[in-house]
Amino acid sequence: MSRAPDVDYSATSQRPAWESLPTALQAALAVALGTEISSVAGPVGSGFTGGFAARAQLADGRQVFIKAASSGMHAYEAYQREAEVVPQLPAAVRAPGIVATAEIEGWFAVASQWVAGRMPGSPWTIDDFDRVTAACEEMALALRPSPLEGLKPFGYLVEDDVAVPAQILAGERELPLGLQPWLPRVLPELAELAAAGPEILVGDTAMHSDLRPDNIVIDASGTCWIVDWNWLTLGPRWVDWAGMLPIAQHQGIDTFAAIKRSPLTADVPDEHLDAFMAVIAAYMLKNTDAPPPPGCTPALREHQRLHAWTFLDWLAVRRGW
């Protein structure tokens, strides 16, 4: 492969239909909502899990977004976590509110506020990039210091991943196929940068920690809504925004100029930014050629490969690779 793979983020999931969910769960959610569920649209195509996710029309005129998963799925705990943390977010953070939850027979369902809109980054445009940048700047102000108690540091989330480049160098892992031909040459520097990440990436801001275009909805007014809040950690205020820069750069946005303009990163040392990029690159290099984890779709590995490529490219420009 001589270029990064293409990933259609509107078609990465494999989700069940509403009719396949237990009728007892459907009934329990209707009780929690206080009205009948009149109709449910087809499942959304974004995401990497097999959890149910779709818009629903309620008998009282409201629309909600329903997610549901069984206890044997990764999405089960993710949906529970989101239902727990979203009500604790400040109003300044645009996250669709939780309307109701239901749990029965080893299943969990959560209904949230429905936001009609579109996903940015398909590809990135300057207007959408500016909207998302402004939203990230506002979100960072609202989440610093963290309004949530007990969040683990970002370094905890990636502590096993920072060693991946060093493990490849030591022959303990295979070098993933299909990436840049110069990757073996820069692995020592990548390993050094990634290893420094956990000590560098500390802070007092509550971070989404998985912010990417398919976790953003831009409504008709241009407001950016952030969804899928199940990976919250504590770290630097700039990390959520910085994590979207490599793919935006890949799609033609001048993110190197943007980091000098934004108050999120204008005073962040170059080595700190590069260490973060190296950490994410290391994470994306992990198990890239392996089957996806149980409950996740094959598109997850293509997502990893695309992000490994773009994060490495971003570092290559910065560091003269």
Protein backbone atom coordinates (compact mmCIF):
# COMPACT_ATOMS: atom_id res chain seq x y z
CA MET A 1 0.00 0.00 0.00
CA SER A 2 1.40 3.37 -1.03
CA ARG A 3 -1.24 5.52 0.62
CA ALA A 4 -3.52 5.62 3.64
CA PRO A 5 -6.68 3.49 3.43
CA ASP A 6 -10.05 5.12 2.90
CA VAL A 7 -12.63 4.64 5.65
CA ASP A 8 -16.29 5.54 5.24
CA TYR A 9 -17.22 6.44 8.82
CA SER A 10 -20.91 6.41 7.98
CA ALA A 11 -20.72 2.67 7.31
CA THR A 12 -18.42 1.07 9.87
CA SER A 13 -20.89 -0.67 12.19
CA GLN A 14 -22.90 -3.88 12.08
CA ARG A 15 -25.90 -3.33 14.33
CA PRO A 16 -29.01 -5.39 15.09
CA ALA A 17 -32.51 -4.23 14.19
CA TRP A 18 -34.88 -2.90 16.85
CA GLU A 19 -37.16 -5.90 16.30
CA SER A 20 -34.39 -8.27 17.39
CA LEU A 21 -34.12 -6.73 20.87
CA PRO A 22 -35.96 -8.42 23.75
CA THR A 23 -39.58 -7.26 23.94
CA ALA A 24 -39.20 -6.95 27.71
CA LEU A 25 -36.41 -4.40 27.20
CA GLN A 26 -38.49 -2.47 24.69
CA ALA A 27 -41.41 -2.40 27.14
CA ALA A 28 -39.22 -1.36 30.08
CA LEU A 29 -37.74 1.51 28.09
CA ALA A 30 -41.22 2.69 27.07
CA VAL A 31 -42.21 2.73 30.75
CA ALA A 32 -39.07 4.73 31.61
CA LEU A 33 -39.86 7.17 28.79
CA GLY A 34 -43.42 7.56 30.00
CA THR A 35 -44.91 6.95 26.56
CA GLU A 36 -45.06 4.38 23.79
CA ILE A 37 -42.28 4.02 21.23
CA SER A 38 -44.17 4.54 17.98
CA SER A 39 -41.46 3.73 15.48
CA VAL A 40 -37.72 3.16 15.27
CA ALA A 41 -35.52 4.03 12.32
CA GLY A 42 -32.85 1.73 10.93
CA PRO A 43 -29.66 1.52 12.98
CA VAL A 44 -26.97 4.13 12.36
CA GLY A 45 -23.97 3.04 10.33
CA SER A 46 -21.24 4.78 12.34
CA GLY A 47 -19.27 3.28 15.22
CA PHE A 48 -17.32 0.06 15.60
CA THR A 49 -19.51 -2.06 17.88
CA GLY A 50 -22.51 -4.29 17.43
CA GLY A 51 -24.62 -2.41 19.94
CA PHE A 52 -28.05 -1.20 18.84
CA ALA A 53 -28.24 2.55 18.06
CA ALA A 54 -31.06 4.33 16.25
CA ARG A 55 -33.48 7.27 16.28
CA ALA A 56 -36.96 6.60 17.67
CA GLN A 57 -40.27 8.44 17.41
CA LEU A 58 -42.31 8.54 20.61
CA ALA A 59 -46.10 8.65 20.86
CA ASP A 60 -45.98 11.99 22.69
CA GLY A 61 -44.19 13.65 19.75
CA ARG A 62 -40.63 13.53 21.04
CA GLN A 63 -37.72 11.96 19.21
CA VAL A 64 -34.90 10.22 21.07
CA PHE A 65 -31.78 8.28 20.21
CA ILE A 66 -31.78 4.78 21.67
CA LYS A 67 -28.74 2.62 22.37
CA ALA A 68 -28.96 -0.93 23.71
CA ALA A 69 -26.62 -3.85 24.29
CA SER A 70 -26.49 -7.16 26.10
CA SER A 71 -24.18 -7.82 29.02
CA GLY A 72 -21.80 -9.88 26.89
CA MET A 73 -20.91 -6.94 24.65
CA HIS A 74 -18.31 -4.20 25.03
CA ALA A 75 -21.06 -1.68 24.26
CA TYR A 76 -22.98 -2.73 27.40
CA GLU A 77 -20.52 -1.08 29.77
CA ALA A 78 -19.91 1.79 27.36
CA TYR A 79 -23.61 2.67 27.28
CA GLN A 80 -23.87 2.40 31.05
CA ARG A 81 -20.87 4.67 31.52
CA GLU A 82 -22.27 7.29 29.17
CA ALA A 83 -25.61 7.27 31.00
CA GLU A 84 -23.70 7.81 34.24
CA VAL A 85 -21.40 10.66 33.20
CA VAL A 86 -23.43 12.78 30.78
CA PRO A 87 -25.74 14.15 33.51
CA GLN A 88 -22.62 15.33 35.35
CA LEU A 89 -21.33 17.42 32.45
CA PRO A 90 -21.79 21.20 32.67
CA ALA A 91 -24.41 22.80 30.44
CA ALA A 92 -21.68 24.53 28.43
CA VAL A 93 -20.68 21.12 27.08
CA ARG A 94 -22.96 20.27 24.18
CA ALA A 95 -23.74 16.62 24.91
CA PRO A 96 -27.21 15.22 24.14
CA GLY A 97 -28.99 14.81 27.46
CA ILE A 98 -29.97 11.46 28.90
CA VAL A 99 -33.75 11.04 28.77
CA ALA A 100 -34.26 7.55 30.26
CA THR A 101 -32.59 4.22 30.89
CA ALA A 102 -33.83 0.65 31.28
CA GLU A 103 -32.15 -2.57 32.37
CA ILE A 104 -33.72 -6.00 32.26
CA GLU A 105 -32.71 -9.61 31.57
CA GLY A 106 -29.03 -8.82 31.06
CA TRP A 107 -29.70 -5.92 28.70
CA PHE A 108 -29.20 -2.19 29.12
CA ALA A 109 -30.82 0.59 27.09
CA VAL A 110 -30.36 4.33 27.21
CA ALA A 111 -32.40 6.99 25.41
CA SER A 112 -30.85 10.38 24.86
CA GLN A 113 -31.86 13.65 23.27
CA TRP A 114 -32.08 13.34 19.49
CA VAL A 115 -29.92 15.82 17.58
CA ALA A 116 -30.55 16.06 13.86
CA GLY A 117 -27.34 16.87 12.03
CA ARG A 118 -24.36 15.61 10.14
CA MET A 119 -20.90 14.26 10.76
CA PRO A 120 -17.94 16.54 9.96
CA GLY A 121 -14.72 15.32 8.39
CA SER A 122 -16.01 13.53 5.32
CA PRO A 123 -13.72 15.13 4.33
CA TRP A 124 -12.84 18.03 6.60
CA THR A 125 -13.70 21.51 5.33
CA ILE A 126 -12.25 24.74 6.71
CA ASP A 127 -15.68 25.83 7.99
CA ASP A 128 -16.29 22.57 9.85
CA PHE A 129 -12.75 22.53 11.19
CA ASP A 130 -13.23 26.04 12.56
CA ARG A 131 -16.59 25.08 14.11
CA VAL A 132 -15.14 22.02 15.80
CA THR A 133 -12.07 23.95 16.96
CA ALA A 134 -14.27 26.58 18.61
CA ALA A 135 -16.37 23.84 20.24
CA CYS A 136 -13.25 22.16 21.62
CA GLU A 137 -11.98 25.46 23.01
CA GLU A 138 -15.31 26.07 24.76
CA MET A 139 -15.46 22.50 26.03
CA ALA A 140 -11.95 22.70 27.47
CA LEU A 141 -12.90 25.81 29.45
CA ALA A 142 -16.03 24.13 30.81
CA LEU A 143 -14.21 20.94 31.81
CA ARG A 144 -11.23 22.54 33.56
CA PRO A 145 -10.93 21.82 36.39
CA SER A 146 -12.80 18.58 35.99
CA PRO A 147 -16.38 18.74 37.30
CA LEU A 148 -16.37 14.95 37.60
CA GLU A 149 -14.75 13.10 40.49
CA GLY A 150 -12.64 9.97 40.24
CA LEU A 151 -11.49 10.16 36.64
CA LYS A 152 -8.37 8.17 35.84
CA PRO A 153 -5.46 9.97 34.16
CA PHE A 154 -5.12 9.73 30.39
CA GLY A 155 -1.82 7.91 30.89
CA TYR A 156 -3.70 5.05 32.55
CA LEU A 157 -5.76 4.60 29.40
CA VAL A 158 -2.70 4.22 27.18
CA GLU A 159 -0.15 2.78 29.61
CA ASP A 160 0.09 -0.58 27.82
CA ASP A 161 0.18 0.99 24.36
CA VAL A 162 3.16 3.31 24.71
CA ALA A 163 5.49 0.30 24.66
CA VAL A 164 4.30 -0.95 21.25
CA PRO A 165 7.05 0.70 19.14
CA ALA A 166 9.72 -0.60 21.53
CA GLN A 167 8.17 -4.06 21.39
CA ILE A 168 8.31 -4.00 17.59
CA LEU A 169 11.96 -2.97 17.76
CA ALA A 170 12.68 -5.84 20.16
CA GLY A 171 10.98 -8.37 17.90
CA GLU A 172 8.19 -8.96 20.42
CA ARG A 173 5.57 -7.68 17.97
CA GLU A 174 5.31 -7.78 14.22
CA LEU A 175 5.63 -4.55 12.28
CA PRO A 176 2.14 -3.87 10.87
CA LEU A 177 1.82 -4.31 7.14
CA GLY A 178 0.94 -1.59 4.67
CA LEU A 179 2.30 1.49 6.43
CA GLN A 180 4.94 3.99 5.34
CA PRO A 181 8.16 2.35 4.09
CA TRP A 182 10.22 4.65 6.31
CA LEU A 183 8.53 3.50 9.52
CA PRO A 184 11.27 0.99 10.53
CA ARG A 185 13.87 3.78 10.32
CA VAL A 186 12.01 6.08 12.73
CA LEU A 187 10.82 3.43 15.20
CA PRO A 188 13.56 4.27 17.76
CA GLU A 189 12.49 7.92 17.88
CA LEU A 190 8.82 6.98 17.91
CA ALA A 191 9.45 4.61 20.81
CA GLU A 192 11.26 7.31 22.77
CA LEU A 193 8.50 9.87 22.20
CA ALA A 194 5.72 7.44 23.10
CA ALA A 195 7.46 6.31 26.29
CA ALA A 196 7.56 9.92 27.47
CA GLY A 197 3.85 10.37 26.92
CA PRO A 198 2.29 9.27 30.23
CA GLU A 199 4.47 11.65 32.26
CA ILE A 200 3.90 14.54 29.86
CA LEU A 201 0.18 14.09 29.29
CA VAL A 202 -1.05 15.09 32.74
CA GLY A 203 -3.55 17.79 33.55
CA ASP A 204 -6.73 18.75 35.38
CA THR A 205 -9.18 18.79 32.46
CA ALA A 206 -11.89 16.18 31.98
CA MET A 207 -11.33 14.87 28.47
CA HIS A 208 -13.64 13.00 26.13
CA SER A 209 -10.59 10.90 25.17
CA ASP A 210 -12.14 9.45 22.01
CA LEU A 211 -13.07 12.56 20.06
CA ARG A 212 -13.19 11.96 16.33
CA PRO A 213 -15.52 13.12 13.54
CA ASP A 214 -18.01 10.28 13.98
CA ASN A 215 -18.46 11.34 17.62
CA ILE A 216 -19.50 14.85 16.55
CA VAL A 217 -22.84 16.02 15.17
CA ILE A 218 -23.18 19.48 13.59
CA ASP A 219 -26.80 20.64 13.63
CA ALA A 220 -28.53 23.02 11.21
CA SER A 221 -27.44 26.07 13.22
CA GLY A 222 -23.78 25.03 13.07
CA THR A 223 -23.64 23.95 16.72
CA CYS A 224 -21.32 21.02 17.43
CA TRP A 225 -22.70 18.28 19.67
CA ILE A 226 -20.32 15.74 21.20
CA VAL A 227 -21.51 12.15 21.69
CA ASP A 228 -20.21 8.84 23.09
CA TRP A 229 -18.86 9.95 26.48
CA ASN A 230 -17.72 6.57 27.79
CA TRP A 231 -13.91 7.13 27.78
CA LEU A 232 -13.60 10.20 30.03
CA THR A 233 -10.14 10.68 31.53
CA LEU A 234 -8.13 13.47 33.15
CA GLY A 235 -5.40 15.23 31.21
CA PRO A 236 -4.28 18.34 29.30
CA ARG A 237 -7.04 20.56 27.93
CA TRP A 238 -5.73 20.35 24.35
CA VAL A 239 -5.68 16.57 23.84
CA ASP A 240 -9.23 16.11 22.50
CA TRP A 241 -8.71 18.71 19.77
CA ALA A 242 -5.17 17.64 18.96
CA GLY A 243 -6.32 14.09 18.34
CA MET A 244 -8.24 15.23 15.26
CA LEU A 245 -5.40 17.22 13.70
CA PRO A 246 -3.59 14.47 11.75
CA ILE A 247 -6.67 13.31 9.83
CA ALA A 248 -7.63 16.94 9.15
CA GLN A 249 -4.10 17.60 7.89
CA HIS A 250 -4.35 14.52 5.70
CA GLN A 251 -7.53 15.95 4.19
CA GLY A 252 -6.04 19.34 3.37
CA ILE A 253 -6.42 21.49 6.51
CA ASP A 254 -3.32 23.44 7.60
CA THR A 255 -3.25 22.20 11.17
CA PHE A 256 0.34 23.33 11.71
CA ALA A 257 -0.88 26.93 11.42
CA ALA A 258 -3.94 26.08 13.53
CA ILE A 259 -1.90 24.92 16.53
CA LYS A 260 -0.16 28.30 16.60
CA ARG A 261 -3.48 30.17 16.55
CA SER A 262 -5.57 28.18 18.99
CA PRO A 263 -5.35 29.06 22.70
CA LEU A 264 -5.47 25.32 23.34
CA THR A 265 -2.01 24.72 21.88
CA ALA A 266 -0.32 28.08 21.30
CA ASP A 267 1.83 27.66 24.41
CA VAL A 268 2.17 23.86 24.42
CA PRO A 269 5.80 22.72 23.97
CA ASP A 270 6.48 20.98 20.67
CA GLU A 271 7.75 17.88 22.46
CA HIS A 272 4.49 17.56 24.36
CA LEU A 273 2.41 17.67 21.19
CA ASP A 274 4.73 15.23 19.47
CA ALA A 275 4.70 12.87 22.44
CA PHE A 276 0.91 12.78 22.34
CA MET A 277 0.94 12.06 18.61
CA ALA A 278 3.47 9.29 19.17
CA VAL A 279 1.30 7.75 21.91
CA ILE A 280 -1.72 7.61 19.62
CA ALA A 281 0.38 6.29 16.74
CA ALA A 282 1.65 3.56 19.07
CA TYR A 283 -1.92 2.73 20.11
CA MET A 284 -2.97 2.49 16.48
CA LEU A 285 -0.05 0.17 15.65
CA LYS A 286 -1.25 -2.36 18.23
CA ASN A 287 -2.87 -5.49 16.78
CA THR A 288 -3.52 -3.71 13.48
CA ASP A 289 -3.30 -6.94 11.51
CA ALA A 290 -5.26 -9.05 14.01
CA PRO A 291 -9.00 -9.78 13.93
CA PRO A 292 -11.08 -7.16 15.77
CA PRO A 293 -11.96 -7.74 19.42
CA PRO A 294 -15.21 -9.60 20.13
CA GLY A 295 -18.18 -7.35 19.52
CA CYS A 296 -16.27 -4.95 17.26
CA THR A 297 -16.46 -4.74 13.48
CA PRO A 298 -13.61 -5.29 10.98
CA ALA A 299 -13.74 -1.57 10.14
CA LEU A 300 -12.02 -0.92 13.48
CA ARG A 301 -8.74 -2.22 12.06
CA GLU A 302 -9.03 -0.03 8.95
CA HIS A 303 -9.68 2.92 11.25
CA GLN A 304 -6.53 2.04 13.17
CA ARG A 305 -4.49 1.75 10.00
CA LEU A 306 -5.74 5.11 8.68
CA HIS A 307 -4.96 6.83 11.96
CA ALA A 308 -1.58 5.17 12.34
CA TRP A 309 -0.72 6.44 8.86
CA THR A 310 -1.95 10.01 9.43
CA PHE A 311 -0.39 10.38 12.89
CA LEU A 312 2.92 9.11 11.54
CA ASP A 313 2.71 11.52 8.60
CA TRP A 314 1.97 14.42 10.95
CA LEU A 315 5.02 13.56 13.04
CA ALA A 316 7.14 13.10 9.91
CA VAL A 317 6.50 16.69 8.84
CA ARG A 318 7.16 18.02 12.32
CA ARG A 319 10.33 16.03 12.91
CA GLY A 320 11.82 15.81 9.44
CA TRP A 321 11.37 12.09 9.03
